[in-house]
PDB file of N, CA and C in Angstrom:
ATOM      1  N   MET A   1       7.041  44.071  15.280  1.00  0.00           N
ATOM      2  CA  MET A   1       6.067  43.449  14.430  1.00  0.00           C
ATOM      3  C   MET A   1       4.682  43.758  14.980  1.00  0.00           C
ATOM      4  N   LYS A   2       3.795  44.129  14.115  1.00  0.00           N
ATOM      5  CA  LYS A   2       2.443  44.451  14.519  1.00  0.00           C
ATOM      6  C   LYS A   2       1.524  43.316  14.080  1.00  0.00           C
ATOM      7  N   TRP A   3       0.703  42.845  15.001  1.00  0.00           N
ATOM      8  CA  TRP A   3      -0.228  41.759  14.711  1.00  0.00           C
ATOM      9  C   TRP A   3      -1.524  42.331  14.158  1.00  0.00           C
ATOM     10  N   VAL A   4      -2.052  41.677  13.162  1.00  0.00           N
ATOM     11  CA  VAL A   4      -3.329  42.086  12.607  1.00  0.00           C
ATOM     12  C   VAL A   4      -4.458  41.537  13.470  1.00  0.00           C
ATOM     13  N   TYR A   5      -4.286  40.265  13.906  1.00  0.00           N
ATOM     14  CA  TYR A   5      -5.292  39.624  14.750  1.00  0.00           C
ATOM     15  C   TYR A   5      -4.637  39.167  16.034  1.00  0.00           C
ATOM     16  N   GLU A   6      -5.373  39.248  17.097  1.00  0.00           N
ATOM     17  CA  GLU A   6      -4.874  38.752  18.373  1.00  0.00           C
ATOM     18  C   GLU A   6      -5.710  37.542  18.759  1.00  0.00           C
ATOM     19  N   ILE A   7      -5.040  36.477  19.192  1.00  0.00           N
ATOM     20  CA  ILE A   7      -5.735  35.263  19.616  1.00  0.00           C
ATOM     21  C   ILE A   7      -6.202  35.467  21.046  1.00  0.00           C
ATOM     22  N   PRO A   8      -7.509  35.299  21.281  1.00  0.00           N
ATOM     23  CA  PRO A   8      -8.009  35.449  22.650  1.00  0.00           C
ATOM     24  C   PRO A   8      -7.343  34.428  23.569  1.00  0.00           C
ATOM     25  N   PRO A   9      -7.016  34.824  24.785  1.00  0.00           N
ATOM     26  CA  PRO A   9      -6.310  33.932  25.710  1.00  0.00           C
ATOM     27  C   PRO A   9      -7.023  32.607  25.958  1.00  0.00           C
ATOM     28  N   ARG A  10      -8.347  32.568  25.875  1.00  0.00           N
ATOM     29  CA  ARG A  10      -9.054  31.313  26.147  1.00  0.00           C
ATOM     30  C   ARG A  10      -8.746  30.234  25.105  1.00  0.00           C
ATOM     31  N   TYR A  11      -8.204  30.624  23.947  1.00  0.00           N
ATOM     32  CA  TYR A  11      -7.870  29.653  22.907  1.00  0.00           C
ATOM     33  C   TYR A  11      -6.404  29.218  22.941  1.00  0.00           C
ATOM     34  N   ILE A  12      -5.645  29.786  23.810  1.00  0.00           N
ATOM     35  CA  ILE A  12      -4.229  29.433  23.923  1.00  0.00           C
ATOM     36  C   ILE A  12      -4.081  28.375  25.006  1.00  0.00           C
ATOM     37  N   ALA A  13      -3.422  27.275  24.650  1.00  0.00           N
ATOM     38  CA  ALA A  13      -3.249  26.163  25.599  1.00  0.00           C
ATOM     39  C   ALA A  13      -2.437  26.624  26.793  1.00  0.00           C
ATOM     40  N   GLN A  14      -2.825  26.135  27.954  1.00  0.00           N
ATOM     41  CA  GLN A  14      -2.126  26.487  29.180  1.00  0.00           C
ATOM     42  C   GLN A  14      -1.564  25.222  29.802  1.00  0.00           C
ATOM     43  N   GLY A  15      -0.504  25.331  30.512  1.00  0.00           N
ATOM     44  CA  GLY A  15       0.074  24.179  31.192  1.00  0.00           C
ATOM     45  C   GLY A  15       1.034  23.417  30.285  1.00  0.00           C
ATOM     46  N   ALA A  16       1.301  22.187  30.690  1.00  0.00           N
ATOM     47  CA  ALA A  16       2.255  21.357  29.960  1.00  0.00           C
ATOM     48  C   ALA A  16       1.655  20.902  28.628  1.00  0.00           C
ATOM     49  N   PRO A  17       2.504  20.786  27.617  1.00  0.00           N
ATOM     50  CA  PRO A  17       2.005  20.289  26.334  1.00  0.00           C
ATOM     51  C   PRO A  17       1.571  18.827  26.465  1.00  0.00           C
ATOM     52  N   PRO A  18       0.629  18.393  25.666  1.00  0.00           N
ATOM     53  CA  PRO A  18       0.180  16.999  25.757  1.00  0.00           C
ATOM     54  C   PRO A  18       1.316  16.033  25.427  1.00  0.00           C
ATOM     55  N   GLU A  19       1.260  14.870  26.056  1.00  0.00           N
ATOM     56  CA  GLU A  19       2.291  13.869  25.797  1.00  0.00           C
ATOM     57  C   GLU A  19       2.178  13.365  24.370  1.00  0.00           C
ATOM     58  N   GLU A  20       3.342  13.168  23.759  1.00  0.00           N
ATOM     59  CA  GLU A  20       3.342  12.588  22.419  1.00  0.00           C
ATOM     60  C   GLU A  20       3.149  11.090  22.553  1.00  0.00           C
ATOM     61  N   SER A  21       2.395  10.528  21.656  1.00  0.00           N
ATOM     62  CA  SER A  21       2.201   9.083  21.696  1.00  0.00           C
ATOM     63  C   SER A  21       2.700   8.484  20.393  1.00  0.00           C
ATOM     64  N   ASN A  22       3.247   7.315  20.502  1.00  0.00           N
ATOM     65  CA  ASN A  22       3.758   6.609  19.341  1.00  0.00           C
ATOM     66  C   ASN A  22       2.638   5.743  18.785  1.00  0.00           C
ATOM     67  N   VAL A  23       2.195   6.041  17.576  1.00  0.00           N
ATOM     68  CA  VAL A  23       1.098   5.288  16.981  1.00  0.00           C
ATOM     69  C   VAL A  23       1.568   4.336  15.891  1.00  0.00           C
ATOM     70  N   ALA A  24       2.862   4.247  15.689  1.00  0.00           N
ATOM     71  CA  ALA A  24       3.370   3.340  14.660  1.00  0.00           C
ATOM     72  C   ALA A  24       2.996   1.914  14.999  1.00  0.00           C
ATOM     73  N   GLY A  25       2.499   1.217  14.003  1.00  0.00           N
ATOM     74  CA  GLY A  25       2.153  -0.183  14.187  1.00  0.00           C
ATOM     75  C   GLY A  25       0.775  -0.419  14.764  1.00  0.00           C
ATOM     76  N   THR A  26       0.017   0.646  14.993  1.00  0.00           N
ATOM     77  CA  THR A  26      -1.323   0.439  15.524  1.00  0.00           C
ATOM     78  C   THR A  26      -2.267   0.051  14.399  1.00  0.00           C
ATOM     79  N   ILE A  27      -3.341  -0.601  14.742  1.00  0.00           N
ATOM     80  CA  ILE A  27      -4.317  -1.037  13.754  1.00  0.00           C
ATOM     81  C   ILE A  27      -5.388   0.033  13.633  1.00  0.00           C
ATOM     82  N   VAL A  28      -5.683   0.408  12.422  1.00  0.00           N
ATOM     83  CA  VAL A  28      -6.664   1.443  12.153  1.00  0.00           C
ATOM     84  C   VAL A  28      -7.923   0.787  11.605  1.00  0.00           C
ATOM     85  N   ALA A  29      -9.051   1.299  11.991  1.00  0.00           N
ATOM     86  CA  ALA A  29     -10.313   0.750  11.487  1.00  0.00           C
ATOM     87  C   ALA A  29     -10.298   0.755   9.969  1.00  0.00           C
ATOM     88  N   GLY A  30     -10.706  -0.357   9.389  1.00  0.00           N
ATOM     89  CA  GLY A  30     -10.741  -0.460   7.937  1.00  0.00           C
ATOM     90  C   GLY A  30      -9.484  -1.056   7.339  1.00  0.00           C
ATOM     91  N   SER A  31      -8.446  -1.207   8.132  1.00  0.00           N
ATOM     92  CA  SER A  31      -7.241  -1.822   7.590  1.00  0.00           C
ATOM     93  C   SER A  31      -7.478  -3.317   7.474  1.00  0.00           C
ATOM     94  N   SER A  32      -6.717  -3.944   6.596  1.00  0.00           N
ATOM     95  CA  SER A  32      -6.920  -5.372   6.397  1.00  0.00           C
ATOM     96  C   SER A  32      -5.619  -6.119   6.625  1.00  0.00           C
ATOM     97  N   ALA A  33      -5.763  -7.361   6.964  1.00  0.00           N
ATOM     98  CA  ALA A  33      -4.591  -8.205   7.160  1.00  0.00           C
ATOM     99  C   ALA A  33      -4.057  -8.618   5.796  1.00  0.00           C
ATOM    100  N   ILE A  34      -2.767  -8.772   5.715  1.00  0.00           N
ATOM    101  CA  ILE A  34      -2.114  -9.200   4.483  1.00  0.00           C
ATOM    102  C   ILE A  34      -1.803 -10.680   4.596  1.00  0.00           C
ATOM    103  N   ASP A  35      -2.194 -11.426   3.580  1.00  0.00           N
ATOM    104  CA  ASP A  35      -1.847 -12.840   3.501  1.00  0.00           C
ATOM    105  C   ASP A  35      -0.475 -12.905   2.843  1.00  0.00           C
ATOM    106  N   LEU A  36       0.555 -13.035   3.665  1.00  0.00           N
ATOM    107  CA  LEU A  36       1.925 -12.969   3.181  1.00  0.00           C
ATOM    108  C   LEU A  36       2.224 -14.062   2.164  1.00  0.00           C
ATOM    109  N   GLN A  37       1.682 -15.255   2.359  1.00  0.00           N
ATOM    110  CA  GLN A  37       1.931 -16.342   1.409  1.00  0.00           C
ATOM    111  C   GLN A  37       1.357 -16.017   0.033  1.00  0.00           C
ATOM    112  N   LYS A  38       0.154 -15.464  -0.011  1.00  0.00           N
ATOM    113  CA  LYS A  38      -0.441 -15.097  -1.304  1.00  0.00           C
ATOM    114  C   LYS A  38       0.341 -13.962  -1.950  1.00  0.00           C
ATOM    115  N   LEU A  39       0.762 -12.997  -1.144  1.00  0.00           N
ATOM    116  CA  LEU A  39       1.531 -11.887  -1.686  1.00  0.00           C
ATOM    117  C   LEU A  39       2.855 -12.381  -2.265  1.00  0.00           C
ATOM    118  N   GLN A  40       3.523 -13.287  -1.553  1.00  0.00           N
ATOM    119  CA  GLN A  40       4.774 -13.848  -2.062  1.00  0.00           C
ATOM    120  C   GLN A  40       4.534 -14.652  -3.331  1.00  0.00           C
ATOM    121  N   MET A  41       3.423 -15.392  -3.392  1.00  0.00           N
ATOM    122  CA  MET A  41       3.096 -16.168  -4.583  1.00  0.00           C
ATOM    123  C   MET A  41       2.878 -15.244  -5.773  1.00  0.00           C
ATOM    124  N   VAL A  42       2.124 -14.170  -5.570  1.00  0.00           N
ATOM    125  CA  VAL A  42       1.873 -13.206  -6.641  1.00  0.00           C
ATOM    126  C   VAL A  42       3.183 -12.609  -7.125  1.00  0.00           C
ATOM    127  N   GLU A  43       4.019 -12.193  -6.202  1.00  0.00           N
ATOM    128  CA  GLU A  43       5.299 -11.575  -6.551  1.00  0.00           C
ATOM    129  C   GLU A  43       6.182 -12.566  -7.308  1.00  0.00           C
ATOM    130  N   THR A  44       6.212 -13.818  -6.869  1.00  0.00           N
ATOM    131  CA  THR A  44       7.030 -14.841  -7.525  1.00  0.00           C
ATOM    132  C   THR A  44       6.523 -15.125  -8.932  1.00  0.00           C
ATOM    133  N   VAL A  45       5.211 -15.316  -9.079  1.00  0.00           N
ATOM    134  CA  VAL A  45       4.633 -15.595 -10.401  1.00  0.00           C
ATOM    135  C   VAL A  45       4.885 -14.423 -11.343  1.00  0.00           C
ATOM    136  N   LEU A  46       4.698 -13.208 -10.858  1.00  0.00           N
ATOM    137  CA  LEU A  46       4.939 -12.021 -11.678  1.00  0.00           C
ATOM    138  C   LEU A  46       6.394 -11.949 -12.112  1.00  0.00           C
ATOM    139  N   GLU A  47       7.300 -12.110 -11.166  1.00  0.00           N
ATOM    140  CA  GLU A  47       8.729 -12.013 -11.481  1.00  0.00           C
ATOM    141  C   GLU A  47       9.151 -13.084 -12.481  1.00  0.00           C
ATOM    142  N   GLU A  48       8.692 -14.323 -12.285  1.00  0.00           N
ATOM    143  CA  GLU A  48       9.060 -15.409 -13.200  1.00  0.00           C
ATOM    144  C   GLU A  48       8.484 -15.172 -14.595  1.00  0.00           C
ATOM    145  N   ALA A  49       7.257 -14.684 -14.672  1.00  0.00           N
ATOM    146  CA  ALA A  49       6.638 -14.419 -15.974  1.00  0.00           C
ATOM    147  C   ALA A  49       7.366 -13.299 -16.711  1.00  0.00           C
ATOM    148  N   LEU A  50       7.739 -12.266 -15.987  1.00  0.00           N
ATOM    149  CA  LEU A  50       8.465 -11.163 -16.615  1.00  0.00           C
ATOM    150  C   LEU A  50       9.852 -11.604 -17.062  1.00  0.00           C
ATOM    151  N   ARG A  51      10.535 -12.351 -16.206  1.00  0.00           N
ATOM    152  CA  ARG A  51      11.879 -12.828 -16.533  1.00  0.00           C
ATOM    153  C   ARG A  51      11.842 -13.736 -17.767  1.00  0.00           C
ATOM    154  N   ALA A  52      10.835 -14.607 -17.861  1.00  0.00           N
ATOM    155  CA  ALA A  52      10.722 -15.524 -18.997  1.00  0.00           C
ATOM    156  C   ALA A  52      10.529 -14.762 -20.309  1.00  0.00           C
ATOM    157  N   ARG A  53       9.943 -13.577 -20.236  1.00  0.00           N
ATOM    158  CA  ARG A  53       9.701 -12.779 -21.438  1.00  0.00           C
ATOM    159  C   ARG A  53      10.743 -11.680 -21.630  1.00  0.00           C
ATOM    160  N   GLY A  54      11.687 -11.597 -20.701  1.00  0.00           N
ATOM    161  CA  GLY A  54      12.715 -10.562 -20.792  1.00  0.00           C
ATOM    162  C   GLY A  54      12.161  -9.159 -20.595  1.00  0.00           C
ATOM    163  N   LEU A  55      11.145  -9.049 -19.758  1.00  0.00           N
ATOM    164  CA  LEU A  55      10.490  -7.762 -19.530  1.00  0.00           C
ATOM    165  C   LEU A  55      10.727  -7.260 -18.118  1.00  0.00           C
ATOM    166  N   GLU A  56      10.513  -5.965 -17.940  1.00  0.00           N
ATOM    167  CA  GLU A  56      10.562  -5.338 -16.619  1.00  0.00           C
ATOM    168  C   GLU A  56       9.368  -4.411 -16.492  1.00  0.00           C
ATOM    169  N   ILE A  57       8.939  -4.196 -15.281  1.00  0.00           N
ATOM    170  CA  ILE A  57       7.867  -3.230 -15.021  1.00  0.00           C
ATOM    171  C   ILE A  57       8.491  -2.028 -14.334  1.00  0.00           C
ATOM    172  N   ASP A  58       8.105  -0.859 -14.803  1.00  0.00           N
ATOM    173  CA  ASP A  58       8.560   0.379 -14.185  1.00  0.00           C
ATOM    174  C   ASP A  58       8.185   0.352 -12.703  1.00  0.00           C
ATOM    175  N   PRO A  59       9.141   0.641 -11.816  1.00  0.00           N
ATOM    176  CA  PRO A  59       8.852   0.592 -10.377  1.00  0.00           C
ATOM    177  C   PRO A  59       7.635   1.425  -9.970  1.00  0.00           C
ATOM    178  N   ALA A  60       7.371   2.501 -10.680  1.00  0.00           N
ATOM    179  CA  ALA A  60       6.213   3.334 -10.350  1.00  0.00           C
ATOM    180  C   ALA A  60       4.901   2.599 -10.630  1.00  0.00           C
ATOM    181  N   ARG A  61       4.907   1.646 -11.571  1.00  0.00           N
ATOM    182  CA  ARG A  61       3.699   0.882 -11.906  1.00  0.00           C
ATOM    183  C   ARG A  61       3.647  -0.463 -11.210  1.00  0.00           C
ATOM    184  N   ARG A  62       4.781  -0.972 -10.791  1.00  0.00           N
ATOM    185  CA  ARG A  62       4.836  -2.331 -10.245  1.00  0.00           C
ATOM    186  C   ARG A  62       3.915  -2.498  -9.033  1.00  0.00           C
ATOM    187  N   GLY A  63       3.894  -1.535  -8.162  1.00  0.00           N
ATOM    188  CA  GLY A  63       3.041  -1.628  -6.977  1.00  0.00           C
ATOM    189  C   GLY A  63       1.577  -1.791  -7.342  1.00  0.00           C
ATOM    190  N   ALA A  64       1.119  -1.039  -8.351  1.00  0.00           N
ATOM    191  CA  ALA A  64      -0.273  -1.144  -8.785  1.00  0.00           C
ATOM    192  C   ALA A  64      -0.550  -2.514  -9.391  1.00  0.00           C
ATOM    193  N   VAL A  65       0.403  -3.043 -10.163  1.00  0.00           N
ATOM    194  CA  VAL A  65       0.233  -4.365 -10.776  1.00  0.00           C
ATOM    195  C   VAL A  65       0.166  -5.436  -9.695  1.00  0.00           C
ATOM    196  N   VAL A  66       1.078  -5.377  -8.732  1.00  0.00           N
ATOM    197  CA  VAL A  66       1.089  -6.360  -7.645  1.00  0.00           C
ATOM    198  C   VAL A  66      -0.205  -6.258  -6.837  1.00  0.00           C
ATOM    199  N   ALA A  67      -0.657  -5.039  -6.551  1.00  0.00           N
ATOM    200  CA  ALA A  67      -1.901  -4.862  -5.792  1.00  0.00           C
ATOM    201  C   ALA A  67      -3.089  -5.451  -6.549  1.00  0.00           C
ATOM    202  N   PHE A  68      -3.139  -5.229  -7.864  1.00  0.00           N
ATOM    203  CA  PHE A  68      -4.219  -5.787  -8.684  1.00  0.00           C
ATOM    204  C   PHE A  68      -4.194  -7.310  -8.655  1.00  0.00           C
ATOM    205  N   LEU A  69      -3.014  -7.898  -8.858  1.00  0.00           N
ATOM    206  CA  LEU A  69      -2.895  -9.358  -8.873  1.00  0.00           C
ATOM    207  C   LEU A  69      -3.170  -9.949  -7.492  1.00  0.00           C
ATOM    208  N   TYR A  70      -2.732  -9.271  -6.441  1.00  0.00           N
ATOM    209  CA  TYR A  70      -2.981  -9.741  -5.075  1.00  0.00           C
ATOM    210  C   TYR A  70      -4.481  -9.723  -4.783  1.00  0.00           C
ATOM    211  N   ASP A  71      -5.149  -8.659  -5.192  1.00  0.00           N
ATOM    212  CA  ASP A  71      -6.594  -8.574  -4.992  1.00  0.00           C
ATOM    213  C   ASP A  71      -7.291  -9.723  -5.721  1.00  0.00           C
ATOM    214  N   TYR A  72      -6.840 -10.006  -6.932  1.00  0.00           N
ATOM    215  CA  TYR A  72      -7.395 -11.126  -7.700  1.00  0.00           C
ATOM    216  C   TYR A  72      -7.173 -12.442  -6.955  1.00  0.00           C
ATOM    217  N   ALA A  73      -5.968 -12.639  -6.435  1.00  0.00           N
ATOM    218  CA  ALA A  73      -5.651 -13.874  -5.704  1.00  0.00           C
ATOM    219  C   ALA A  73      -6.501 -13.988  -4.441  1.00  0.00           C
ATOM    220  N   MET A  74      -6.724 -12.881  -3.747  1.00  0.00           N
ATOM    221  CA  MET A  74      -7.519 -12.907  -2.521  1.00  0.00           C
ATOM    222  C   MET A  74      -8.989 -13.221  -2.808  1.00  0.00           C
ATOM    223  N   LYS A  75      -9.424 -12.944  -4.021  1.00  0.00           N
ATOM    224  CA  LYS A  75     -10.810 -13.239  -4.392  1.00  0.00           C
ATOM    225  C   LYS A  75     -10.950 -14.639  -4.975  1.00  0.00           C
ATOM    226  N   GLY A  76      -9.897 -15.451  -4.834  1.00  0.00           N
ATOM    227  CA  GLY A  76      -9.981 -16.840  -5.269  1.00  0.00           C
ATOM    228  C   GLY A  76      -9.198 -17.164  -6.517  1.00  0.00           C
ATOM    229  N   GLY A  77      -8.531 -16.186  -7.102  1.00  0.00           N
ATOM    230  CA  GLY A  77      -7.741 -16.439  -8.307  1.00  0.00           C
ATOM    231  C   GLY A  77      -6.565 -17.352  -8.012  1.00  0.00           C
ATOM    232  N   ASN A  78      -6.246 -18.214  -8.971  1.00  0.00           N
ATOM    233  CA  ASN A  78      -5.117 -19.131  -8.789  1.00  0.00           C
ATOM    234  C   ASN A  78      -3.938 -18.690  -9.659  1.00  0.00           C
ATOM    235  N   GLN A  79      -2.861 -19.478  -9.641  1.00  0.00           N
ATOM    236  CA  GLN A  79      -1.661 -19.114 -10.393  1.00  0.00           C
ATOM    237  C   GLN A  79      -1.936 -19.032 -11.888  1.00  0.00           C
ATOM    238  N   ASP A  80      -2.748 -19.949 -12.416  1.00  0.00           N
ATOM    239  CA  ASP A  80      -3.053 -19.917 -13.846  1.00  0.00           C
ATOM    240  C   ASP A  80      -3.783 -18.628 -14.221  1.00  0.00           C
ATOM    241  N   GLY A  81      -4.724 -18.222 -13.398  1.00  0.00           N
ATOM    242  CA  GLY A  81      -5.439 -16.975 -13.644  1.00  0.00           C
ATOM    243  C   GLY A  81      -4.522 -15.771 -13.558  1.00  0.00           C
ATOM    244  N   ILE A  82      -3.599 -15.813 -12.610  1.00  0.00           N
ATOM    245  CA  ILE A  82      -2.638 -14.716 -12.468  1.00  0.00           C
ATOM    246  C   ILE A  82      -1.753 -14.645 -13.703  1.00  0.00           C
ATOM    247  N   LEU A  83      -1.305 -15.806 -14.200  1.00  0.00           N
ATOM    248  CA  LEU A  83      -0.485 -15.824 -15.418  1.00  0.00           C
ATOM    249  C   LEU A  83      -1.263 -15.261 -16.609  1.00  0.00           C
ATOM    250  N   MET A  84      -2.534 -15.603 -16.718  1.00  0.00           N
ATOM    251  CA  MET A  84      -3.355 -15.061 -17.811  1.00  0.00           C
ATOM    252  C   MET A  84      -3.474 -13.545 -17.694  1.00  0.00           C
ATOM    253  N   ALA A  85      -3.647 -13.046 -16.479  1.00  0.00           N
ATOM    254  CA  ALA A  85      -3.741 -11.602 -16.263  1.00  0.00           C
ATOM    255  C   ALA A  85      -2.424 -10.919 -16.618  1.00  0.00           C
ATOM    256  N   ILE A  86      -1.310 -11.538 -16.254  1.00  0.00           N
ATOM    257  CA  ILE A  86       0.001 -10.969 -16.577  1.00  0.00           C
ATOM    258  C   ILE A  86       0.184 -10.924 -18.084  1.00  0.00           C
ATOM    259  N   LYS A  87      -0.187 -12.005 -18.776  1.00  0.00           N
ATOM    260  CA  LYS A  87      -0.071 -12.029 -20.241  1.00  0.00           C
ATOM    261  C   LYS A  87      -0.895 -10.906 -20.857  1.00  0.00           C
ATOM    262  N   ALA A  88      -2.081 -10.669 -20.316  1.00  0.00           N
ATOM    263  CA  ALA A  88      -2.923  -9.591 -20.833  1.00  0.00           C
ATOM    264  C   ALA A  88      -2.299  -8.226 -20.555  1.00  0.00           C
ATOM    265  N   LEU A  89      -1.652  -8.078 -19.416  1.00  0.00           N
ATOM    266  CA  LEU A  89      -1.035  -6.800 -19.059  1.00  0.00           C
ATOM    267  C   LEU A  89       0.168  -6.478 -19.929  1.00  0.00           C
ATOM    268  N   VAL A  90       0.930  -7.498 -20.313  1.00  0.00           N
ATOM    269  CA  VAL A  90       2.165  -7.251 -21.065  1.00  0.00           C
ATOM    270  C   VAL A  90       1.977  -7.428 -22.564  1.00  0.00           C
ATOM    271  N   ALA A  91       0.763  -7.770 -22.992  1.00  0.00           N
ATOM    272  CA  ALA A  91       0.515  -7.979 -24.431  1.00  0.00           C
ATOM    273  C   ALA A  91       0.574  -6.670 -25.186  1.00  0.00           C
TER     274      ALA A  91
END
């Protein structure tokens, strides 16, 4: 095999490869804490409202709906407001 370009030796790492580090579970700047109780409340209200109407949300869209309702709840929205938003979404 003939190389078209040759990498200069100064750019090739020498010695032992760097240690791998496990970054799973680390906190990244800009990440936010999740209020699990509010998230569970949103999920419960959504599920009960859908079940009462005999409806389902496509799994590909459900995450976006839950995220929207959770954001609303985090900004002070209550269960009644969430129900109104759900009614508007499924109307």
